Protein backbone atom coordinates (compact mmCIF):
# COMPACT_ATOMS: atom_id res chain seq x y z
CA UNK A 1 27.04 -75.45 -58.95
CA UNK A 2 30.05 -77.62 -58.81
CA UNK A 3 28.50 -80.09 -61.59
CA UNK A 4 28.23 -76.86 -63.73
CA UNK A 5 31.95 -75.81 -63.09
CA UNK A 6 33.28 -79.37 -63.99
CA UNK A 7 30.85 -79.46 -67.50
CA UNK A 8 32.68 -75.92 -68.40
CA UNK A 9 36.32 -77.55 -67.68
CA UNK A 10 35.47 -80.69 -69.58
CA UNK A 11 34.09 -78.32 -72.69
CA UNK A 12 37.19 -76.28 -72.60
CA UNK A 13 39.46 -79.45 -72.63
CA UNK A 14 37.60 -81.12 -75.36
CA UNK A 15 37.58 -77.86 -77.71
CA UNK A 16 41.30 -77.54 -77.34
CA UNK A 17 41.81 -81.04 -78.64
CA UNK A 18 39.90 -80.09 -81.84
CA UNK A 19 41.73 -76.90 -82.46
CA UNK A 20 44.05 -77.20 -85.50
CA UNK A 21 47.41 -76.18 -85.30
CA UNK A 22 48.97 -74.32 -88.25
CA UNK A 23 51.20 -76.36 -90.31
CA UNK A 24 53.75 -73.75 -90.16
CA UNK A 25 54.08 -74.34 -86.25
CA UNK A 26 54.23 -78.20 -86.91
CA UNK A 27 57.39 -77.66 -89.05
CA UNK A 28 58.80 -75.06 -86.94
CA UNK A 29 61.87 -77.44 -86.17
CA UNK A 30 62.33 -78.70 -89.73
CA UNK A 31 65.28 -76.76 -91.40
CA UNK A 32 64.46 -74.18 -94.18
CA UNK A 33 65.40 -75.62 -97.63
CA UNK A 34 67.79 -73.36 -99.69
CA UNK A 35 69.17 -76.16 -102.02
CA UNK A 36 68.09 -73.80 -104.90
CA UNK A 37 70.66 -70.93 -103.89
CA UNK A 38 74.25 -71.04 -103.81
CA UNK A 39 76.88 -68.58 -102.65
CA UNK A 40 78.57 -66.71 -105.37
CA UNK A 41 82.00 -67.99 -106.36
CA UNK A 42 85.14 -66.90 -108.37
CA UNK A 43 83.50 -67.79 -111.57
CA UNK A 44 80.67 -65.40 -110.79
CA UNK A 45 82.92 -62.58 -110.07
CA UNK A 46 84.80 -62.98 -113.32
CA UNK A 47 81.70 -62.89 -115.34
CA UNK A 48 80.61 -59.89 -113.29
CA UNK A 49 83.95 -58.03 -113.98
CA UNK A 50 83.51 -58.96 -117.50
CA UNK A 51 80.75 -56.75 -117.72
CA UNK A 52 82.65 -53.73 -116.77
CA UNK A 53 83.89 -53.62 -120.38
CA UNK A 54 80.77 -51.85 -121.50
CA UNK A 55 80.36 -49.61 -118.29
CA UNK A 56 83.90 -48.43 -118.62
CA UNK A 57 83.74 -47.85 -122.45
CA UNK A 58 80.57 -45.99 -121.80
CA UNK A 59 81.76 -44.05 -119.17
CA UNK A 60 84.91 -42.91 -121.26
CA UNK A 61 83.50 -42.97 -124.57
CA UNK A 62 84.89 -39.60 -125.41
CA UNK A 63 88.44 -40.38 -124.42
CA UNK A 64 88.64 -43.63 -126.28
CA UNK A 65 90.89 -43.48 -129.31
CA UNK A 66 89.81 -45.08 -132.63
CA UNK A 67 92.40 -47.67 -133.73
CA UNK A 68 92.81 -48.09 -137.56
CA UNK A 69 92.03 -51.67 -138.84
CA UNK A 70 95.90 -51.82 -139.51
CA UNK A 71 96.82 -51.14 -135.89
CA UNK A 72 94.09 -53.60 -134.60
CA UNK A 73 95.53 -56.27 -136.92
CA UNK A 74 99.22 -55.26 -135.77
CA UNK A 75 98.17 -55.72 -131.92
CA UNK A 76 96.08 -58.93 -132.58
CA UNK A 77 99.21 -60.41 -134.44
CA UNK A 78 101.41 -59.76 -131.50
CA UNK A 79 98.77 -61.69 -129.35
CA UNK A 80 98.89 -64.38 -131.97
CA UNK A 81 102.50 -64.88 -131.86
CA UNK A 82 102.67 -65.07 -128.23
CA UNK A 83 99.59 -67.61 -128.06
CA UNK A 84 100.91 -69.89 -131.04
CA UNK A 85 104.18 -70.16 -129.37
CA UNK A 86 102.49 -71.47 -126.14
CA UNK A 87 99.69 -73.78 -127.31
CA UNK A 88 99.77 -75.72 -124.25
CA UNK A 89 99.28 -72.58 -122.00
CA UNK A 90 96.33 -71.15 -123.99
CA UNK A 91 93.45 -73.71 -123.93
CA UNK A 92 91.39 -71.94 -126.85
CA UNK A 93 91.69 -69.44 -129.42
CA UNK A 94 92.22 -65.91 -128.04
CA UNK A 95 90.40 -63.13 -129.82
CA UNK A 96 91.77 -60.04 -128.30
CA UNK A 97 90.06 -56.38 -128.10
CA UNK A 98 92.19 -53.30 -127.63
CA UNK A 99 91.34 -50.11 -126.13
CA UNK A 100 93.43 -46.78 -125.85
CA UNK A 101 92.29 -44.22 -123.50
CA UNK A 102 93.42 -40.69 -123.78
CA UNK A 103 94.94 -39.79 -120.27
CA UNK A 104 97.73 -38.03 -118.76
CA UNK A 105 98.12 -40.97 -116.12
CA UNK A 106 100.01 -44.10 -117.35
CA UNK A 107 98.15 -47.39 -116.62
CA UNK A 108 97.17 -50.53 -117.99
CA UNK A 109 94.67 -53.50 -117.50
CA UNK A 110 92.63 -56.20 -118.73
CA UNK A 111 89.37 -57.57 -118.32
CA UNK A 112 88.29 -61.36 -118.44
CA UNK A 113 87.72 -62.34 -122.23
CA UNK A 114 91.11 -60.59 -123.29
CA UNK A 115 90.01 -57.10 -123.44
CA UNK A 116 92.91 -55.08 -122.91
CA UNK A 117 93.10 -51.23 -121.78
CA UNK A 118 96.05 -48.95 -122.22
CA UNK A 119 96.38 -45.23 -121.51
CA UNK A 120 98.07 -42.85 -124.28
CA UNK A 121 100.50 -41.48 -121.65
CA UNK A 122 101.60 -45.18 -120.95
CA UNK A 123 102.31 -45.66 -124.56
CA UNK A 124 103.79 -42.10 -125.57
CA UNK A 125 106.07 -42.03 -122.40
CA UNK A 126 106.86 -45.44 -121.64
CA UNK A 127 106.54 -47.85 -124.40
CA UNK A 128 109.78 -47.13 -126.13
CA UNK A 129 110.29 -50.15 -128.26
CA UNK A 130 108.28 -53.24 -129.48
CA UNK A 131 109.70 -55.80 -127.11
CA UNK A 132 108.35 -53.54 -124.11
CA UNK A 133 104.78 -53.77 -125.64
CA UNK A 134 105.18 -57.28 -126.20
CA UNK A 135 105.93 -57.88 -122.53
CA UNK A 136 103.09 -55.58 -121.41
CA UNK A 137 100.48 -57.51 -123.51
CA UNK A 138 101.93 -60.88 -122.07
CA UNK A 139 101.53 -59.80 -118.68
CA UNK A 140 97.83 -58.94 -119.18
CA UNK A 141 97.30 -61.75 -121.67
CA UNK A 142 98.23 -64.20 -118.81
CA UNK A 143 95.81 -62.46 -116.36
CA UNK A 144 92.84 -62.80 -118.72
CA UNK A 145 93.92 -66.39 -120.07
CA UNK A 146 93.98 -67.66 -116.22
CA UNK A 147 91.19 -65.28 -114.86
CA UNK A 148 93.65 -63.93 -112.18
CA UNK A 149 91.27 -61.23 -110.48
CA UNK A 150 90.95 -60.94 -106.83
CA UNK A 151 87.44 -61.79 -105.57
CA UNK A 152 85.81 -58.62 -104.38
CA UNK A 153 82.09 -57.26 -103.61
CA UNK A 154 81.28 -54.94 -106.29
CA UNK A 155 77.99 -52.82 -105.97
CA UNK A 156 76.69 -51.64 -109.11
CA UNK A 157 76.32 -48.09 -109.71
CA UNK A 158 76.05 -47.62 -113.51
CA UNK A 159 79.48 -45.91 -113.48
CA UNK A 160 83.18 -47.21 -113.23
CA UNK A 161 86.17 -44.72 -112.91
CA UNK A 162 89.65 -45.51 -113.86
CA UNK A 163 90.45 -45.37 -109.89
CA UNK A 164 88.04 -47.94 -109.12
CA UNK A 165 88.53 -50.42 -111.85
CA UNK A 166 92.19 -50.39 -111.01
CA UNK A 167 91.78 -50.75 -107.58
CA UNK A 168 89.63 -53.93 -108.07
CA UNK A 169 92.13 -55.12 -110.43
CA UNK A 170 95.46 -54.77 -107.97
CA UNK A 171 97.07 -58.00 -107.00
CA UNK A 172 99.41 -58.90 -104.21
CA UNK A 173 103.09 -58.83 -104.98
CA UNK A 174 103.56 -62.56 -104.58
CA UNK A 175 100.68 -63.13 -107.19
CA UNK A 176 102.28 -60.79 -109.73
CA UNK A 177 105.73 -62.36 -109.49
CA UNK A 178 103.86 -65.54 -110.22
CA UNK A 179 102.60 -63.95 -113.47
CA UNK A 180 106.27 -62.63 -114.19
CA UNK A 181 107.65 -66.24 -113.78
CA UNK A 182 104.73 -67.43 -116.53
CA UNK A 183 105.63 -64.57 -118.64
CA UNK A 184 109.38 -65.66 -118.58
CA UNK A 185 108.59 -69.24 -119.97
CA UNK A 186 106.09 -67.66 -122.56
CA UNK A 187 108.44 -65.22 -123.80
CA UNK A 188 111.11 -67.72 -124.02
CA UNK A 189 109.28 -70.01 -126.14
CA UNK A 190 108.55 -66.87 -128.52
CA UNK A 191 112.27 -66.17 -128.66
CA UNK A 192 112.10 -62.71 -126.92
CA UNK A 193 114.94 -61.21 -124.61
CA UNK A 194 113.78 -61.51 -120.93
CA UNK A 195 116.13 -58.66 -120.54
CA UNK A 196 113.13 -56.38 -121.89
CA UNK A 197 110.59 -57.76 -119.38
CA UNK A 198 113.26 -56.83 -116.42
CA UNK A 199 113.63 -53.49 -118.15
CA UNK A 200 109.76 -53.05 -117.99
CA UNK A 201 109.58 -53.78 -114.25
CA UNK A 202 112.68 -51.33 -114.00
CA UNK A 203 110.62 -48.68 -115.94
CA UNK A 204 107.91 -48.71 -113.54
CA UNK A 205 110.08 -48.74 -110.42
CA UNK A 206 112.00 -45.63 -111.44
CA UNK A 207 108.84 -44.04 -112.23
CA UNK A 208 106.79 -45.31 -109.54
CA UNK A 209 105.08 -41.92 -108.62
CA UNK A 210 103.69 -41.93 -112.17
CA UNK A 211 102.29 -45.32 -111.78
CA UNK A 212 100.93 -44.59 -108.18
CA UNK A 213 97.31 -45.15 -109.60
CA UNK A 214 98.23 -48.31 -110.91
CA UNK A 215 100.18 -49.76 -108.12
CA UNK A 216 98.41 -48.37 -105.18
CA UNK A 217 101.44 -48.90 -102.97
CA UNK A 218 104.39 -47.41 -104.75
CA UNK A 219 106.86 -49.33 -102.65
CA UNK A 220 105.66 -52.60 -103.97
CA UNK A 221 107.04 -52.36 -107.17
CA UNK A 222 110.63 -52.54 -105.71
CA UNK A 223 110.05 -55.77 -104.00
CA UNK A 224 108.37 -57.06 -107.36
CA UNK A 225 111.42 -56.22 -109.08
CA UNK A 226 113.84 -57.75 -106.67
CA UNK A 227 111.96 -61.09 -106.77
CA UNK A 228 111.84 -61.39 -110.35
CA UNK A 229 115.64 -60.62 -110.49
CA UNK A 230 116.17 -63.35 -108.00
CA UNK A 231 114.13 -65.69 -110.27
CA UNK A 232 116.18 -64.63 -113.14
CA UNK A 233 119.41 -65.45 -111.44
CA UNK A 234 118.00 -69.02 -110.64
CA UNK A 235 117.30 -69.47 -114.28
CA UNK A 236 120.45 -67.96 -115.63
CA UNK A 237 121.53 -71.15 -117.77
CA UNK A 238 117.96 -71.01 -119.43
CA UNK A 239 118.59 -67.48 -120.45
CA UNK A 240 121.74 -68.20 -122.32
CA UNK A 241 120.06 -69.95 -125.17
CA UNK A 242 117.61 -67.17 -125.67
CA UNK A 243 117.32 -65.69 -129.07
CA UNK A 244 117.67 -62.06 -128.80
CA UNK A 245 115.15 -59.75 -130.07
CA UNK A 246 115.98 -57.64 -133.22
CA UNK A 247 114.63 -54.22 -132.85
CA UNK A 248 111.09 -52.90 -133.59
CA UNK A 249 109.06 -53.31 -136.55
CA UNK A 250 107.71 -50.45 -138.77
CA UNK A 251 104.33 -51.82 -137.73
CA UNK A 252 105.36 -50.66 -134.10
CA UNK A 253 106.30 -47.25 -135.05
CA UNK A 254 103.06 -46.62 -137.20
CA UNK A 255 100.92 -47.84 -134.12
CA UNK A 256 103.04 -45.26 -131.72
CA UNK A 257 102.91 -42.42 -133.97
CA UNK A 258 99.24 -43.05 -134.38
CA UNK A 259 98.65 -42.55 -130.63
CA UNK A 260 100.98 -39.65 -130.31
CA UNK A 261 98.94 -37.35 -133.05
């Protein structure tokens, strides 16, 4: 009887010795190789953000104002003047596209690839002269050129409201002030009076409630204006040599009048 038990035990050990362990268990301690995957970076976000041009324009197709070829050439001409005066800043030829959105709320924004969006209310109520328009375009042109967009998680839903897109594009005050400083030098090389840029910030500050959707925090614009003023004081010697801007052109008034109709 003991001999039979011994044979059974030996058979058990021998059989275990020939059992094959699945390869997955053999490599259990080996790290999983994910070299073909990578974390999304800022460039990926910029590409994703650029795609919202089509999403937004489809969403607001009925509110987009058609620009005449005359006014498209006019706006593109402003961009050309800015870029040609600052060839070291702009690395490649800029081909802008402008959209005017019918809205009672004043706002403006740009998307990567030099896509500019202005509301009709912004133009009708607050763009009183051509120099203000140039300052506004300069600000958005810098953002688009340098891809100054805060990285965020965006869940595609097939639609994009103005409120949503403006919230995605908001910047911290310190970042906006850096853009203002860049604008100072770009406008200087272009020969535009920097008082116009300060005037634009003051317009937004005085009407901060109107620009609440744009700003998010309406108190931030006061800080923004104060910091830019301090920068101007530090660069007062450079301002003295500025060429003063000589009024608005007929093309500007043609553009404004078309929007107001």
